[in-house]
Protein backbone atom coordinates (compact mmCIF):
# COMPACT_ATOMS: atom_id res chain seq x y z
CA MET A 1 -0.07 0.02 -0.02
CA LYS A 2 1.37 3.38 -1.20
CA SER A 3 1.45 6.22 1.69
CA GLU A 4 0.07 9.71 1.29
CA PRO A 5 2.83 12.19 0.24
CA LEU A 6 3.72 14.83 2.66
CA PHE A 7 4.54 18.36 2.09
CA VAL A 8 7.77 19.11 3.84
CA VAL A 9 9.40 22.43 4.24
CA VAL A 10 13.17 21.84 5.46
CA SER A 11 15.23 24.53 6.49
CA TYR A 12 18.74 24.42 7.95
CA ASP A 13 21.67 26.49 9.08
CA VAL A 14 24.91 24.97 8.96
CA ALA A 15 28.16 26.49 10.08
CA ASP A 16 30.77 24.56 7.89
CA ASP A 17 30.84 25.81 4.24
CA ARG A 18 31.90 22.15 3.00
CA ARG A 19 28.87 20.50 5.01
CA ARG A 20 26.48 23.29 3.97
CA ARG A 21 27.22 22.69 0.16
CA ARG A 22 26.64 18.84 0.71
CA VAL A 23 23.42 19.38 2.56
CA HIS A 24 22.05 21.74 -0.04
CA LYS A 25 23.10 19.08 -2.92
CA THR A 26 21.40 16.36 -0.81
CA LEU A 27 18.23 18.28 -0.26
CA LYS A 28 18.36 19.14 -4.15
CA ASP A 29 17.57 15.45 -4.83
CA PHE A 30 14.56 15.39 -2.49
CA GLY A 31 12.97 18.88 -3.31
CA ARG A 32 13.27 22.34 -4.57
CA PRO A 33 14.85 25.36 -3.06
CA VAL A 34 12.81 28.18 -2.16
CA GLN A 35 15.91 29.97 -0.62
CA TYR A 36 19.39 28.84 -0.21
CA SER A 37 18.58 27.27 3.11
CA ALA A 38 14.93 26.34 2.60
CA PHE A 39 13.52 23.43 0.48
CA GLU A 40 10.13 22.36 -0.47
CA CYS A 41 9.61 18.77 -0.55
CA VAL A 42 6.67 16.44 -1.41
CA LEU A 43 7.65 12.94 -0.16
CA GLU A 44 6.54 9.61 0.90
CA ALA A 45 7.20 8.68 4.51
CA LYS A 46 10.13 6.29 3.25
CA HIS A 47 11.81 9.05 1.34
CA LEU A 48 11.31 11.33 4.21
CA ALA A 49 12.96 8.93 6.52
CA ARG A 50 16.10 8.45 3.92
CA LEU A 51 16.22 12.31 3.74
CA GLN A 52 16.62 12.34 7.53
CA HIS A 53 19.11 9.70 7.90
CA ALA A 54 21.41 11.50 4.87
CA LEU A 55 21.05 14.89 6.62
CA THR A 56 21.81 13.55 10.08
CA ARG A 57 25.05 11.87 8.73
CA LEU A 58 26.02 15.38 7.33
CA VAL A 59 25.09 17.78 10.29
CA GLN A 60 27.61 17.07 12.94
CA ASP A 61 27.77 20.20 15.31
CA GLU A 62 24.58 19.97 17.34
CA ASP A 63 25.56 23.53 19.45
CA ALA A 64 26.26 25.43 16.13
CA GLU A 65 23.99 23.57 13.22
CA ALA A 66 20.11 22.98 12.83
CA VAL A 67 17.94 21.07 10.44
CA ALA A 68 14.27 21.79 10.98
CA TYR A 69 11.29 19.38 9.25
CA TYR A 70 8.14 21.17 8.95
CA LEU A 71 5.46 18.72 7.97
CA LEU A 72 2.09 20.53 6.74
CA CYS A 73 -0.84 18.61 6.11
CA LYS A 74 -2.81 18.72 2.85
CA ASP A 75 -5.08 21.43 3.66
CA CYS A 76 -2.16 23.71 5.28
CA ALA A 77 -0.42 23.18 2.17
CA GLN A 78 -2.83 24.24 0.06
CA ARG A 79 -3.49 27.35 1.92
CA THR A 80 0.37 28.46 1.75
CA LEU A 81 0.51 32.08 0.61
CA VAL A 82 3.12 33.28 -1.72
CA LEU A 83 3.81 36.86 -2.48
CA CYS A 84 6.07 36.41 -5.37
CA GLY A 85 8.34 33.92 -6.93
CA PRO A 86 7.61 30.57 -8.63
CA PRO A 87 4.30 28.79 -7.61
CA ARG A 88 4.98 26.17 -4.69
CA LEU A 89 4.75 22.57 -4.91
CA THR A 90 1.69 20.68 -4.70
CA LEU A 91 0.93 17.37 -3.12
CA SER A 92 -0.53 16.33 -6.52
CA ARG A 93 3.01 16.47 -7.88
CA THR A 94 5.03 13.71 -5.87
CA ILE A 95 8.80 13.77 -6.51
CA VAL A 96 10.14 10.07 -6.78
CA VAL A 97 13.59 10.02 -5.71
C-alpha cells in the first residue's frame, strides 16, 4: 500500500561551508530550493526517512548547526500564501527519488 505524500519544508543552518554545500546538494535530490537554506519537498514517508538519515550523517555540530522539518497537512499546504516567485509545489506532484 502506497503512503500519502507529505508536504515538507526543510530549513537548515550549517556552520561549515563544505557541509553546507553537501546539505544543499542532498536536499536538491529530494525537493526544490525556495531560498538557499529552505527547501520544499513532496515526499512519501520512506523518502522522508531516507532524507533525514542522509542529513543526520552530514550535520555534526549540534550546538552550531540545525535542520528543521516542517510537515504540513494537505489542507495547510494548499493554504500556503506566496507573495511572489515561482508557484509552490503541490501534493499532486509527487517527487520520486
